[in-house]
Amino acid sequence: MQKIKRMLKRIVHSSQSDKVIVCPRCGSTRLSLSSKMDVWLTPKKYFCADCGYVGPIVMEIERKELKKEEN
């Protein structure tokens, strides 16, 4: 939980290309859309391969901030 709090404090508004989506539950970047029908018929719903989270809410952080967290 502390790791997620640190990431939230460092969120900075920037262009979409510099951002990475992160799981709000575990902080993993291994997210994918839960269904091929997502976005076409329904709102985006993401699935986390690490913790099993399924939902429409994800965090977006800058790539450079993610690299700092990993080191």
Protein backbone atom coordinates (compact mmCIF):
# COMPACT_ATOMS: atom_id res chain seq x y z
CA MET A 1 0.00 0.00 0.00
CA GLN A 2 2.90 2.36 0.75
CA LYS A 3 4.27 1.79 -2.75
CA ILE A 4 0.95 2.82 -4.29
CA LYS A 5 0.79 5.92 -2.10
CA ARG A 6 4.27 6.95 -3.25
CA MET A 7 3.28 6.45 -6.89
CA LEU A 8 0.12 8.50 -6.44
CA LYS A 9 2.12 11.41 -5.02
CA ARG A 10 4.32 11.45 -8.11
CA ILE A 11 1.61 11.50 -10.75
CA VAL A 12 2.25 14.37 -13.10
CA HIS A 13 0.09 15.49 -16.03
CA SER A 14 1.89 14.89 -19.32
CA SER A 15 1.29 13.47 -22.76
CA GLN A 16 -0.27 10.01 -23.09
CA SER A 17 2.87 8.56 -24.73
CA ASP A 18 4.88 9.13 -21.54
CA LYS A 19 2.40 7.34 -19.30
CA VAL A 20 2.04 3.72 -18.19
CA ILE A 21 -1.14 2.23 -16.73
CA VAL A 22 -0.73 0.61 -13.32
CA CYS A 23 -3.01 -1.64 -11.25
CA PRO A 24 -4.59 0.29 -8.37
CA ARG A 25 -4.51 -2.78 -6.12
CA CYS A 26 -0.95 -4.11 -6.48
CA GLY A 27 0.95 -1.56 -8.60
CA SER A 28 1.65 -4.02 -11.44
CA THR A 29 1.99 -2.89 -15.04
CA ARG A 30 0.75 -6.24 -16.36
CA LEU A 31 -2.74 -4.98 -17.26
CA SER A 32 -4.85 -5.87 -20.27
CA LEU A 33 -8.39 -5.26 -21.38
CA SER A 34 -10.65 -7.91 -19.84
CA SER A 35 -12.58 -8.52 -23.06
CA LYS A 36 -12.35 -7.77 -26.77
CA MET A 37 -15.80 -6.18 -26.45
CA ASP A 38 -14.46 -3.57 -24.03
CA VAL A 39 -14.40 -0.08 -25.51
CA TRP A 40 -16.60 -1.11 -28.42
CA LEU A 41 -19.82 -1.81 -26.50
CA THR A 42 -18.89 -1.17 -22.90
CA PRO A 43 -16.43 1.08 -21.00
CA LYS A 44 -12.85 -0.14 -20.68
CA LYS A 45 -12.44 -2.80 -18.00
CA TYR A 46 -8.92 -3.90 -17.15
CA PHE A 47 -7.58 -7.24 -15.83
CA CYS A 48 -4.38 -7.49 -13.76
CA ALA A 49 -2.38 -10.66 -14.40
CA ASP A 50 -0.64 -10.41 -11.01
CA CYS A 51 -3.45 -9.91 -8.48
CA GLY A 52 -6.60 -10.66 -10.50
CA TYR A 53 -8.07 -7.15 -10.24
CA VAL A 54 -10.86 -6.49 -12.75
CA GLY A 55 -12.29 -2.99 -13.07
CA PRO A 56 -12.44 0.26 -14.99
CA ILE A 57 -10.10 2.20 -12.70
CA VAL A 58 -6.34 2.23 -13.31
CA MET A 59 -3.55 4.60 -12.35
CA GLU A 60 -1.42 6.35 -14.95
CA ILE A 61 2.16 7.25 -14.09
CA GLU A 62 5.06 8.60 -16.12
CA ARG A 63 7.58 6.07 -17.42
CA LYS A 64 10.49 7.85 -15.75
CA GLU A 65 8.72 7.70 -12.36
CA LEU A 66 8.09 3.97 -12.82
CA LYS A 67 11.78 3.38 -13.53
CA LYS A 68 12.71 5.24 -10.33
CA GLU A 69 10.29 3.05 -8.33
CA GLU A 70 11.75 -0.15 -9.78
CA ASN A 71 15.33 0.84 -8.83
